[in-house]
Protein backbone atom coordinates (compact mmCIF):
# COMPACT_ATOMS: atom_id res chain seq x y z
CA MET A 1 94.93 53.02 48.06
CA LYS A 2 93.40 56.43 47.39
CA LYS A 3 90.02 54.87 46.59
CA THR A 4 90.10 52.84 49.79
CA LEU A 5 90.94 55.95 51.83
CA ALA A 6 88.19 57.92 50.09
CA ARG A 7 85.61 55.21 50.80
CA TRP A 8 86.68 55.11 54.44
CA LEU A 9 86.42 58.89 54.80
CA ASP A 10 82.90 58.76 53.33
CA SER A 11 81.81 56.02 55.72
CA ASP A 12 80.11 56.64 59.06
CA VAL A 13 83.33 55.98 60.96
CA GLY A 14 85.32 58.26 58.66
CA HIS A 15 82.77 61.05 59.02
CA SER A 16 82.88 60.65 62.79
CA PHE A 17 86.66 60.92 62.68
CA ARG A 18 86.66 64.02 60.47
CA THR A 19 84.14 65.81 62.69
CA SER A 20 85.76 64.94 66.04
CA PRO A 21 88.42 67.46 67.15
CA VAL A 22 89.52 65.16 69.98
CA ALA A 23 90.04 62.23 67.59
CA LEU A 24 91.96 64.42 65.13
CA LEU A 25 94.21 65.79 67.88
CA ALA A 26 94.82 62.36 69.41
CA ALA A 27 95.54 60.85 65.98
CA SER A 28 97.97 63.67 65.18
CA ILE A 29 99.87 63.16 68.43
CA ALA A 30 99.95 59.40 67.96
CA PHE A 31 101.12 59.80 64.35
CA VAL A 32 103.97 62.11 65.36
CA CYS A 33 105.07 59.73 68.13
CA ILE A 34 104.93 56.70 65.81
CA PHE A 35 106.69 58.52 62.96
CA CYS A 36 109.52 59.72 65.21
CA SER A 37 109.84 56.26 66.76
CA VAL A 38 109.97 54.42 63.43
CA PHE A 39 112.45 56.88 61.92
CA ALA A 40 114.37 57.52 65.11
CA GLY A 41 117.72 57.18 63.33
CA TRP A 42 116.88 60.14 61.09
CA VAL A 43 114.78 62.27 63.46
CA SER A 44 116.80 62.17 66.68
CA PRO A 45 119.75 64.59 66.89
CA HIS A 46 121.94 61.99 68.66
CA ASN A 47 122.19 58.22 69.01
CA PRO A 48 121.91 57.23 72.70
CA PHE A 49 123.12 53.70 71.85
CA ASP A 50 126.46 54.97 70.53
CA LEU A 51 128.66 54.69 73.61
CA ALA A 52 131.64 56.19 71.79
CA ALA A 53 129.73 59.44 71.26
CA LEU A 54 128.77 59.87 74.92
CA GLU A 55 130.56 62.60 76.83
CA LEU A 56 130.49 62.17 80.60
CA GLY A 57 131.47 65.80 80.93
CA ASP A 58 128.05 66.72 79.51
CA ALA A 59 126.15 64.63 82.09
CA ARG A 60 123.13 66.19 83.82
CA LEU A 61 123.06 69.33 81.72
CA PRO A 62 119.79 71.29 82.06
CA PRO A 63 117.48 72.07 79.10
CA ALA A 64 118.64 74.61 76.55
CA TRP A 65 116.46 77.41 77.92
CA ALA A 66 117.72 77.01 81.51
CA ALA A 67 120.89 78.45 82.98
CA GLY A 68 123.83 76.26 82.07
CA GLY A 69 122.01 74.61 79.18
CA THR A 70 123.22 74.35 75.61
CA SER A 71 121.45 74.24 72.27
CA LYS A 72 123.26 70.98 71.54
CA TYR A 73 120.95 69.24 74.02
CA LEU A 74 117.49 70.78 73.71
CA LEU A 75 115.97 68.92 76.68
CA GLY A 76 119.20 68.42 78.61
CA THR A 77 121.14 65.24 79.33
CA ASP A 78 120.90 62.36 81.79
CA ASP A 79 123.49 61.01 84.24
CA GLN A 80 125.44 59.32 81.40
CA GLY A 81 125.51 62.34 79.13
CA ARG A 82 122.82 61.02 76.79
CA ASP A 83 120.62 63.56 75.07
CA ILE A 84 117.18 63.43 76.69
CA LEU A 85 115.33 64.25 73.45
CA SER A 86 117.09 61.46 71.55
CA ALA A 87 116.54 59.04 74.45
CA LEU A 88 112.84 59.92 74.44
CA ILE A 89 112.54 59.17 70.71
CA TYR A 90 114.33 55.83 71.00
CA GLY A 91 112.57 55.05 74.27
CA ALA A 92 109.16 55.68 72.73
CA ARG A 93 110.06 53.24 69.95
CA ILE A 94 110.90 50.53 72.48
CA SER A 95 107.72 51.18 74.47
CA LEU A 96 105.54 51.20 71.34
CA VAL A 97 107.06 47.98 69.98
CA VAL A 98 106.63 46.17 73.30
CA GLY A 99 103.09 47.50 73.71
CA VAL A 100 101.89 46.70 70.19
CA VAL A 101 103.49 43.24 69.99
CA SER A 102 102.19 42.22 73.43
CA VAL A 103 98.67 43.37 72.52
CA VAL A 104 98.80 41.46 69.21
CA LEU A 105 99.77 38.28 71.08
CA SER A 106 97.05 38.88 73.66
CA VAL A 107 94.47 39.36 70.90
CA LEU A 108 95.51 36.17 69.12
CA ILE A 109 95.34 34.09 72.31
CA GLY A 110 92.18 35.72 73.68
CA VAL A 111 90.20 35.66 70.42
CA LEU A 112 91.07 32.01 69.76
CA LEU A 113 90.14 30.84 73.25
CA GLY A 114 87.05 33.05 73.36
CA LEU A 115 85.78 31.66 70.05
CA LEU A 116 86.33 28.09 71.18
CA ALA A 117 84.67 28.69 74.56
CA GLY A 118 81.66 30.50 73.13
CA PHE A 119 81.07 28.26 70.13
CA TRP A 120 81.66 24.83 71.64
CA GLY A 121 80.46 25.54 75.18
CA GLY A 122 80.30 22.65 77.63
CA TRP A 123 83.29 21.65 79.71
CA LEU A 124 85.69 23.64 77.52
CA ASP A 125 83.77 26.85 78.15
CA ALA A 126 83.59 26.15 81.89
CA PHE A 127 87.31 25.36 82.12
CA LEU A 128 88.47 28.42 80.17
CA MET A 129 86.19 30.76 82.08
CA ARG A 130 87.46 29.39 85.41
CA VAL A 131 91.00 30.07 84.20
CA CYS A 132 89.93 33.62 83.35
CA ASP A 133 88.41 34.02 86.81
CA VAL A 134 91.68 32.92 88.41
CA MET A 135 93.69 35.33 86.24
CA LEU A 136 91.35 38.21 87.08
CA SER A 137 91.69 37.54 90.81
CA PHE A 138 95.31 38.76 90.69
CA PRO A 139 96.40 42.29 89.76
CA PRO A 140 97.81 42.16 86.21
CA ILE A 141 100.95 44.07 87.15
CA LEU A 142 101.77 41.51 89.85
CA VAL A 143 101.33 38.61 87.41
CA ALA A 144 103.51 40.38 84.85
CA LEU A 145 106.07 41.15 87.55
CA LEU A 146 106.12 37.49 88.62
CA ILE A 147 106.54 36.18 85.05
CA ALA A 148 109.20 38.75 84.21
CA GLY A 149 111.04 38.02 87.47
CA VAL A 150 110.98 34.26 86.88
CA GLY A 151 112.19 34.80 83.31
CA ARG A 152 115.06 36.95 84.56
CA ALA A 153 115.99 34.28 87.11
CA LEU A 154 115.94 31.50 84.50
CA PHE A 155 117.97 33.52 81.98
CA PRO A 156 120.26 35.75 84.07
CA ASN A 157 122.78 36.26 81.26
CA ALA A 158 120.30 36.28 78.42
CA HIS A 159 120.71 38.41 75.32
CA ASP A 160 118.67 41.59 75.04
CA THR A 161 116.38 39.87 72.52
CA VAL A 162 115.48 37.18 75.07
CA ALA A 163 114.87 39.84 77.71
CA PHE A 164 112.47 41.66 75.39
CA GLY A 165 110.74 38.37 74.61
CA VAL A 166 110.24 37.60 78.29
CA LEU A 167 108.84 41.09 78.84
CA ILE A 168 106.41 40.80 75.92
CA ILE A 169 105.22 37.36 77.03
CA SER A 170 104.72 38.55 80.62
CA ILE A 171 102.48 41.39 79.43
CA SER A 172 100.64 39.20 76.90
CA LEU A 173 99.76 36.51 79.43
CA THR A 174 98.01 39.08 81.61
CA GLY A 175 96.01 40.73 78.79
CA TRP A 176 94.39 37.85 76.88
CA VAL A 177 91.68 37.34 79.52
CA GLN A 178 89.67 40.43 78.59
CA TYR A 179 89.66 39.51 74.91
CA ALA A 180 88.61 35.94 75.68
CA ARG A 181 85.68 37.04 77.82
CA THR A 182 84.60 39.70 75.30
CA VAL A 183 84.75 37.33 72.31
CA ARG A 184 83.10 34.53 74.25
CA GLY A 185 80.12 36.73 75.13
CA SER A 186 79.72 37.93 71.54
CA THR A 187 80.08 34.38 70.19
CA LEU A 188 77.32 33.11 72.49
CA VAL A 189 75.01 35.61 70.82
CA GLU A 190 76.18 35.01 67.25
CA ARG A 191 76.13 31.22 67.33
CA ASN A 192 72.34 31.13 67.75
CA LYS A 193 71.58 33.49 64.87
CA GLU A 194 70.01 32.32 61.63
CA TYR A 195 73.07 32.66 59.39
CA VAL A 196 75.10 30.37 61.71
CA MET A 197 72.25 27.86 61.91
CA ALA A 198 71.95 27.91 58.11
CA ALA A 199 75.68 27.23 57.73
CA ARG A 200 75.40 24.29 60.11
CA VAL A 201 72.44 22.84 58.18
CA THR A 202 74.35 23.04 54.89
CA GLY A 203 77.21 21.02 56.41
CA VAL A 204 79.84 23.72 56.83
CA ALA A 205 82.62 22.61 59.20
CA PRO A 206 82.55 24.22 62.68
CA LEU A 207 86.03 25.72 62.33
CA ARG A 208 85.04 27.30 59.02
CA ILE A 209 81.87 28.72 60.58
CA MET A 210 83.91 30.30 63.37
CA ARG A 211 86.48 31.72 60.96
CA ARG A 212 84.24 32.89 58.12
CA HIS A 213 80.97 33.77 59.84
CA VAL A 214 81.37 34.33 63.58
CA LEU A 215 84.81 35.94 63.79
CA PRO A 216 84.12 38.98 61.53
CA ASN A 217 81.06 39.84 63.63
CA VAL A 218 82.87 39.82 66.98
CA LEU A 219 85.93 41.85 65.99
CA GLY A 220 84.35 45.27 66.62
CA PRO A 221 84.63 45.18 70.44
CA VAL A 222 88.04 43.50 70.12
CA LEU A 223 89.37 46.36 67.99
CA VAL A 224 88.22 48.95 70.52
CA LEU A 225 89.63 46.98 73.44
CA ALA A 226 92.94 46.41 71.67
CA THR A 227 93.35 50.13 70.97
CA ILE A 228 92.86 50.99 74.63
CA GLN A 229 95.01 48.07 75.79
CA VAL A 230 98.00 49.38 73.81
CA ALA A 231 98.21 52.28 76.25
CA THR A 232 97.85 49.89 79.19
CA ALA A 233 100.62 47.66 77.82
CA ILE A 234 102.94 50.65 77.38
CA ILE A 235 102.31 51.74 80.96
CA THR A 236 102.86 48.16 82.18
CA GLU A 237 106.19 48.02 80.33
CA ALA A 238 107.22 51.34 81.85
CA THR A 239 106.22 50.10 85.31
CA LEU A 240 108.20 46.86 84.96
CA SER A 241 111.21 48.75 83.62
CA PHE A 242 110.94 51.23 86.48
CA LEU A 243 111.01 48.31 88.92
CA GLY A 244 114.08 46.86 87.20
CA VAL A 245 112.53 43.75 85.58
CA GLY A 246 111.56 45.22 82.23
CA VAL A 247 113.83 46.05 79.32
CA PRO A 248 117.62 45.84 79.84
CA PRO A 249 119.10 48.82 81.71
CA THR A 250 121.18 49.75 78.66
CA SER A 251 118.03 50.34 76.60
CA PRO A 252 116.62 53.85 77.06
CA SER A 253 112.94 52.94 77.36
CA LEU A 254 110.62 55.42 79.03
CA GLY A 255 110.46 53.29 82.16
CA THR A 256 114.23 53.06 82.59
CA LEU A 257 114.59 56.79 81.94
CA ILE A 258 112.04 57.57 84.63
CA ARG A 259 113.76 55.20 87.05
CA VAL A 260 117.16 56.79 86.44
CA GLY A 261 115.74 60.29 86.71
CA ASN A 262 113.97 59.44 89.94
CA ASP A 263 117.37 59.25 91.68
CA TYR A 264 118.09 62.86 90.70
CA LEU A 265 114.60 64.32 91.04
CA PHE A 266 115.19 65.98 94.41
CA SER A 267 118.77 67.04 93.65
CA GLY A 268 117.70 69.57 91.04
CA GLU A 269 117.97 67.51 87.82
CA TRP A 270 114.19 67.33 87.37
CA TRP A 271 114.32 67.13 83.56
CA ILE A 272 115.75 63.59 83.59
CA THR A 273 112.48 62.15 84.90
CA VAL A 274 109.89 64.82 84.07
CA PHE A 275 110.28 64.71 80.28
CA PRO A 276 110.11 60.89 80.02
CA GLY A 277 107.06 60.98 82.31
CA LEU A 278 105.37 63.58 80.12
CA MET A 279 106.16 61.53 77.02
CA LEU A 280 104.60 58.45 78.60
CA VAL A 281 101.49 60.39 79.57
CA LEU A 282 101.22 61.91 76.09
CA ILE A 283 101.38 58.54 74.32
CA ALA A 284 98.98 56.82 76.72
CA LEU A 285 96.50 59.71 76.63
CA SER A 286 96.44 59.94 72.83
CA VAL A 287 95.91 56.19 72.45
CA ASN A 288 93.16 56.18 75.09
CA LEU A 289 91.38 59.08 73.40
CA LEU A 290 91.53 57.23 70.08
CA GLY A 291 90.09 54.15 71.77
CA ASP A 292 87.24 56.16 73.28
CA TRP A 293 86.45 57.71 69.91
CA LEU A 294 86.54 54.33 68.18
CA ARG A 295 84.19 52.86 70.80
CA ASP A 296 81.67 55.63 70.19
CA ALA A 297 82.08 55.50 66.41
CA LEU A 298 81.43 51.75 66.24
CA ASN A 299 78.44 51.90 68.56
CA PRO A 300 75.32 52.60 66.45
CA ARG A 301 73.40 53.73 69.53
CA LEU A 302 75.77 56.70 69.97
CA ARG A 303 75.68 57.93 66.38
């Protein structure tokens, strides 16, 4: 493990990371958010899922430094008496899980279809690209909203796990298009190169050529796109939850926290919506900055 890390730090990408203050800052913020989300049970001062521990008398308390605040709730409480700081930690975990899983599914679908379209060509390429054109003609958030709404209508009394599954699928089915088009373009270039032609001449099966030869050479742009799309998926989840078709209302995701706080924004309880909004911006910004750095680091023209 140490040798692998040392080799990576000595590589061109590792040197670019070590010498980029923006990448180091973004990685630090992302690491703190991921660490707190993974170990939310140990990091958060309270458990927002424990209904027995909620005290309605402590509802809508201001932050600790404001008049009427208490050190028990550093960032204040929401309308149910939940600690805002704890809700942010658990909410970030939900948003990160939904974002990462949906991007992984989008990558799997998009890379597979892009490889098939670019390598085989013909009617399959034309059909898949027309499907991509149709998907791109609609705003992604509307497609995700439609899929999530239909899923809610089909499973009105579904368990929380089913609701999360519907949300992840709705985001995944709107994100695979960009990966498919990116991989398809790279595959069209790679399939005509000498090493692919040599593999064909020696009788290597087409699926093996795609998996062993073409795929490793088209993953660079996919990795950059996936990093940036994590932030987009998190924002999409927050948007759907804000509109009421995302995660269940009992789950304190960043979107549901912002939606709840929006009802109290102009009545003086600004902290209920401002802190979740800042958390969402912080996560999305750090991930986007990492994606921008990775794009520049993997581009030999910018070294």
